[in-house]
Amino acid sequence: TTYNIRAYCYNSVGKSPISSTISSPTNRGTIPSVIVLHTIHSETTPSSITVSWSPPGGGQVEEYTLTLRHRDDNLRTISLSRNSHKYKFNGLRSSTNYSIDIVATNRWGSGSLTTVEASTSKTPIGKIQNLDENVTESSILIEWKLDGTAVGCNITLAHSTGQIRQINLTGDILEHTFYGLQSGVQYNISVTPWNSDQTGEMEYIVAVTDSITTSTADNTVGKEKD
C-alpha cells in the first residue's frame, strides 16, 4: 500500500510551514513457499488417500487448496483453512493411481504447486468356505460360502481326461449345478473367487456321481421294452 506523508516542526513560538508531500509504499507481503509433504502412502486404503503436509517455511498461509486428479481429469477441489495440515479423500476406486495438487495462498498470491502421486490399495478378496457337494447319477450340485467380498467366482469341473467345463459366475451366486455327467465317475471341482484386479485362493472338492443301481437299470430296460 502507498501512503502520502507531509511533516512540519513547531516550538513555543509556533510551527513551521508544512513540507511538500512524499509518497512511500509499504513492503509487499511474502507469498507462501513450497509445502513440505510427509507420510502419504502409509494412510492409503482401497477407497481413500490421506495426504498430510507441514506448514511452509516462509509466508503466512491463509488457505490451502487441494485438487484430486485422475489422469488428466480434475475430480475434486477442496479449500482448507490455514490450520489444516491433513485431508482424506474418500470414495475412490481401489488399485488406482491418483495425483493430488497442493498449493498455499494468502492475500499476496499463491505459492509453488506441490504434486503428490499416490495409489489406492487393492481390495482384500474373500475366501471360499464350507465347500460342499450333492450328487445324483448325472449331476453334481456344489455350494459354498464367501468370507469377504468378490466380484464373482470361477468354477472348473474336470476328471482324469482333463478339464471339461469352466464357468464364471458374478454377483452373489453361491451355488452351481453341473448336469449331463457320467454315472459313477470321480470329478474334481475347484472354486476361485476373483475381482477386477486379482484372484483369490482356490478351494477344491472331489465328488463322485452315483452309480446306476440294478433296480434302476431294470426299470430303464422295462420302459424301453414298453
Protein backbone atom coordinates (compact mmCIF):
# COMPACT_ATOMS: atom_id res chain seq x y z
CA THR A 1 0.00 0.00 0.00
CA THR A 2 1.23 3.52 -0.81
CA TYR A 3 0.97 6.32 1.77
CA ASN A 4 1.41 10.15 1.34
CA ILE A 5 3.43 11.86 4.09
CA ARG A 6 3.91 15.58 5.00
CA ALA A 7 5.81 16.99 8.03
CA TYR A 8 6.27 20.20 10.00
CA CYS A 9 8.10 21.41 13.13
CA TYR A 10 6.91 23.57 15.97
CA ASN A 11 8.17 25.29 19.19
CA SER A 12 6.90 27.81 21.73
CA VAL A 13 6.72 30.49 19.07
CA GLY A 14 4.75 28.47 16.57
CA LYS A 15 5.02 25.86 13.82
CA SER A 16 6.89 25.84 10.58
CA PRO A 17 5.33 25.64 7.14
CA ILE A 18 4.18 22.14 6.11
CA SER A 19 6.66 20.30 3.93
CA SER A 20 5.98 19.02 0.46
CA THR A 21 4.30 15.63 0.13
CA ILE A 22 6.35 12.46 -0.29
CA SER A 23 4.91 9.05 -1.22
CA SER A 24 6.18 5.81 0.30
CA PRO A 25 4.80 2.27 -0.26
CA THR A 26 4.88 -0.41 2.40
CA ASN A 27 6.74 -3.61 1.57
CA ARG A 28 4.83 -6.33 -0.31
CA GLY A 29 3.87 -9.36 1.78
CA THR A 30 5.58 -12.71 1.32
CA ILE A 31 3.96 -15.42 -0.80
CA PRO A 32 3.98 -18.84 0.91
CA SER A 33 6.86 -21.06 -0.10
CA VAL A 34 6.72 -24.65 -1.33
CA ILE A 35 4.88 -27.00 1.04
CA VAL A 36 6.89 -29.79 2.66
CA LEU A 37 4.89 -33.04 2.49
CA HIS A 38 5.21 -36.09 4.72
CA THR A 39 3.74 -39.62 5.02
CA ILE A 40 1.06 -40.11 2.44
CA HIS A 41 1.25 -43.77 1.36
CA SER A 42 1.04 -45.07 4.93
CA GLU A 43 -2.54 -43.79 5.04
CA THR A 44 -3.78 -45.31 1.80
CA THR A 45 -6.74 -47.73 1.78
CA PRO A 46 -8.68 -49.38 -1.08
CA SER A 47 -11.12 -46.45 -1.13
CA SER A 48 -9.22 -43.47 0.29
CA ILE A 49 -6.00 -41.45 0.28
CA THR A 50 -4.99 -39.29 3.24
CA VAL A 51 -2.42 -36.61 2.46
CA SER A 52 -0.53 -34.75 5.18
CA TRP A 53 1.86 -31.81 4.97
CA SER A 54 3.95 -29.44 7.04
CA PRO A 55 3.36 -25.65 7.01
CA PRO A 56 5.54 -23.73 4.52
CA GLY A 57 8.75 -22.23 5.81
CA GLY A 58 8.06 -18.70 4.57
CA GLY A 59 4.98 -16.51 4.30
CA GLN A 60 1.83 -16.62 6.38
CA VAL A 61 -0.74 -19.03 4.93
CA GLU A 62 -4.39 -18.06 4.79
CA GLU A 63 -5.71 -21.05 2.82
CA TYR A 64 -4.70 -24.37 1.26
CA THR A 65 -6.20 -25.63 -1.98
CA LEU A 66 -6.11 -29.36 -2.81
CA THR A 67 -7.04 -30.79 -6.21
CA LEU A 68 -7.52 -34.52 -6.73
CA ARG A 69 -6.76 -35.68 -10.28
CA HIS A 70 -7.02 -38.98 -12.14
CA ARG A 71 -5.03 -38.89 -15.35
CA ASP A 72 -6.00 -35.53 -16.89
CA ASP A 73 -9.34 -35.14 -15.13
CA ASN A 74 -9.79 -32.87 -12.10
CA LEU A 75 -12.09 -34.86 -9.84
CA ARG A 76 -12.36 -32.65 -6.75
CA THR A 77 -11.04 -29.32 -5.48
CA ILE A 78 -11.01 -28.65 -1.73
CA SER A 79 -10.22 -25.41 0.13
CA LEU A 80 -8.95 -25.71 3.71
CA SER A 81 -8.15 -23.23 6.46
CA ARG A 82 -4.57 -22.38 7.37
CA ASN A 83 -4.79 -24.58 10.47
CA SER A 84 -5.48 -27.72 8.39
CA HIS A 85 -2.49 -29.91 7.56
CA LYS A 86 -4.25 -33.17 6.68
CA TYR A 87 -7.10 -34.24 4.42
CA LYS A 88 -8.69 -37.56 3.48
CA PHE A 89 -10.17 -38.18 0.03
CA ASN A 90 -12.88 -40.87 0.32
CA GLY A 91 -14.93 -42.82 -2.21
CA LEU A 92 -12.01 -43.66 -4.52
CA ARG A 93 -11.52 -46.70 -6.74
CA SER A 94 -9.26 -49.46 -5.47
CA SER A 95 -5.86 -50.08 -7.06
CA THR A 96 -6.00 -46.76 -8.94
CA ASN A 97 -3.34 -44.06 -9.44
CA TYR A 98 -4.24 -40.51 -8.39
CA SER A 99 -2.46 -37.14 -8.33
CA ILE A 100 -3.01 -34.54 -5.61
CA ASP A 101 -2.01 -30.89 -6.17
CA ILE A 102 -1.49 -28.76 -3.05
CA VAL A 103 -0.93 -25.00 -3.03
CA ALA A 104 -0.80 -22.48 -0.17
CA THR A 105 -2.18 -18.96 -0.66
CA ASN A 106 -2.50 -15.64 1.16
CA ARG A 107 -3.55 -12.12 0.20
CA TRP A 108 -0.36 -11.65 -1.79
CA GLY A 109 -0.75 -14.67 -4.01
CA SER A 110 -0.19 -18.42 -4.30
CA GLY A 111 2.94 -20.38 -3.55
CA SER A 112 4.53 -23.00 -5.76
CA LEU A 113 2.40 -26.01 -6.62
CA THR A 114 3.32 -29.33 -4.99
CA THR A 115 2.07 -32.57 -6.61
CA VAL A 116 1.89 -35.96 -4.91
CA GLU A 117 1.36 -39.25 -6.75
CA ALA A 118 -0.48 -41.94 -4.77
CA SER A 119 -2.28 -45.22 -5.45
CA THR A 120 -5.15 -46.74 -3.54
CA SER A 121 -4.50 -50.28 -2.35
CA LYS A 122 -6.20 -53.43 -3.62
CA THR A 123 -9.50 -54.54 -2.11
CA PRO A 124 -8.96 -57.66 0.02
CA ILE A 125 -10.62 -60.56 -1.75
CA GLY A 126 -12.85 -63.03 0.11
CA LYS A 127 -12.13 -66.70 0.79
CA ILE A 128 -14.21 -69.72 -0.17
CA GLN A 129 -15.50 -71.63 2.86
CA ASN A 130 -17.71 -74.66 3.55
CA LEU A 131 -17.47 -76.01 0.01
CA ASP A 132 -19.85 -78.98 -0.24
CA GLU A 133 -21.48 -81.19 -2.87
CA ASN A 134 -24.73 -83.05 -3.52
CA VAL A 135 -24.62 -85.70 -6.25
CA THR A 136 -27.00 -87.73 -8.39
CA GLU A 137 -26.27 -90.23 -11.16
CA SER A 138 -25.85 -87.44 -13.72
CA SER A 139 -25.34 -84.19 -11.82
CA ILE A 140 -23.28 -82.51 -9.10
CA LEU A 141 -24.54 -79.55 -7.08
CA ILE A 142 -21.83 -77.57 -5.28
CA GLU A 143 -22.48 -74.94 -2.62
CA TRP A 144 -20.14 -72.64 -0.69
CA LYS A 145 -19.90 -69.55 1.49
CA LEU A 146 -17.75 -66.50 0.87
CA ASP A 147 -15.89 -64.89 3.77
CA GLY A 148 -15.41 -61.34 2.49
CA THR A 149 -16.23 -59.85 -0.91
CA ALA A 150 -15.61 -60.77 -4.54
CA VAL A 151 -16.99 -59.79 -7.92
CA GLY A 152 -17.54 -63.44 -8.82
CA CYS A 153 -16.21 -66.99 -8.77
CA ASN A 154 -14.53 -69.15 -11.40
CA ILE A 155 -15.58 -72.82 -11.28
CA THR A 156 -13.74 -75.62 -13.05
CA LEU A 157 -15.04 -79.20 -13.45
CA ALA A 158 -12.51 -81.84 -14.51
CA HIS A 159 -11.73 -85.54 -14.33
CA SER A 160 -8.82 -87.79 -15.36
CA THR A 161 -9.18 -86.88 -19.04
CA GLY A 162 -8.60 -83.19 -18.29
CA GLN A 163 -10.72 -80.08 -17.98
CA ILE A 164 -14.32 -80.46 -19.05
CA ARG A 165 -16.11 -77.23 -18.19
CA GLN A 166 -15.29 -73.80 -16.84
CA ILE A 167 -17.94 -71.42 -15.53
CA ASN A 168 -17.67 -67.78 -14.48
CA LEU A 169 -20.32 -66.63 -12.00
CA THR A 170 -20.80 -63.00 -10.97
CA GLY A 171 -22.74 -61.39 -8.16
CA ASP A 172 -23.95 -63.15 -5.03
CA ILE A 173 -24.40 -66.62 -6.56
CA LEU A 174 -23.01 -69.23 -4.14
CA GLU A 175 -24.00 -72.49 -5.86
CA HIS A 176 -23.88 -74.18 -9.24
CA THR A 177 -25.11 -77.49 -10.69
CA PHE A 178 -23.30 -79.44 -13.40
CA TYR A 179 -25.70 -81.60 -15.43
CA GLY A 180 -25.19 -84.32 -18.03
CA LEU A 181 -22.38 -86.13 -16.20
CA GLN A 182 -21.47 -89.80 -16.34
CA SER A 183 -22.60 -92.03 -13.51
CA GLY A 184 -20.07 -93.50 -11.08
CA VAL A 185 -17.30 -91.13 -12.18
CA GLN A 186 -14.98 -89.07 -9.96
CA TYR A 187 -14.83 -85.34 -10.73
CA ASN A 188 -12.53 -82.65 -9.35
CA ILE A 189 -14.18 -79.26 -8.86
CA SER A 190 -12.37 -76.03 -7.98
CA VAL A 191 -13.86 -72.67 -6.97
CA THR A 192 -11.76 -69.48 -7.14
CA PRO A 193 -13.05 -66.01 -6.12
CA TRP A 194 -12.00 -63.01 -8.23
CA ASN A 195 -12.48 -59.30 -8.63
CA SER A 196 -11.39 -56.69 -11.16
CA ASP A 197 -7.66 -56.77 -10.37
CA GLN A 198 -6.87 -60.06 -8.63
CA THR A 199 -7.88 -63.64 -7.95
CA GLY A 200 -8.24 -65.23 -4.55
CA GLU A 201 -7.29 -68.58 -3.08
CA MET A 202 -8.68 -71.64 -4.87
CA GLU A 203 -10.67 -74.26 -2.98
CA TYR A 204 -11.45 -77.66 -4.47
CA ILE A 205 -13.56 -80.71 -3.76
CA VAL A 206 -13.68 -84.27 -5.10
CA ALA A 207 -17.14 -85.61 -5.93
CA VAL A 208 -18.29 -88.94 -7.37
CA THR A 209 -21.60 -89.24 -9.19
CA ASP A 210 -23.91 -92.01 -8.07
CA SER A 211 -23.70 -95.30 -9.91
CA ILE A 212 -26.75 -96.62 -11.72
CA THR A 213 -28.23 -99.31 -9.48
CA THR A 214 -29.51 -102.68 -10.73
CA SER A 215 -33.10 -101.74 -9.99
CA THR A 216 -32.71 -98.52 -11.89
CA ALA A 217 -31.21 -100.34 -14.84
CA ASP A 218 -34.01 -102.94 -14.82
CA ASN A 219 -36.65 -100.21 -14.75
CA THR A 220 -34.93 -98.46 -17.62
CA VAL A 221 -34.85 -101.68 -19.70
CA GLY A 222 -38.53 -102.37 -18.90
CA LYS A 223 -39.53 -98.94 -20.03
CA GLU A 224 -37.58 -99.32 -23.24
CA LYS A 225 -39.39 -102.66 -23.98
CA ASP A 226 -42.74 -100.98 -23.48
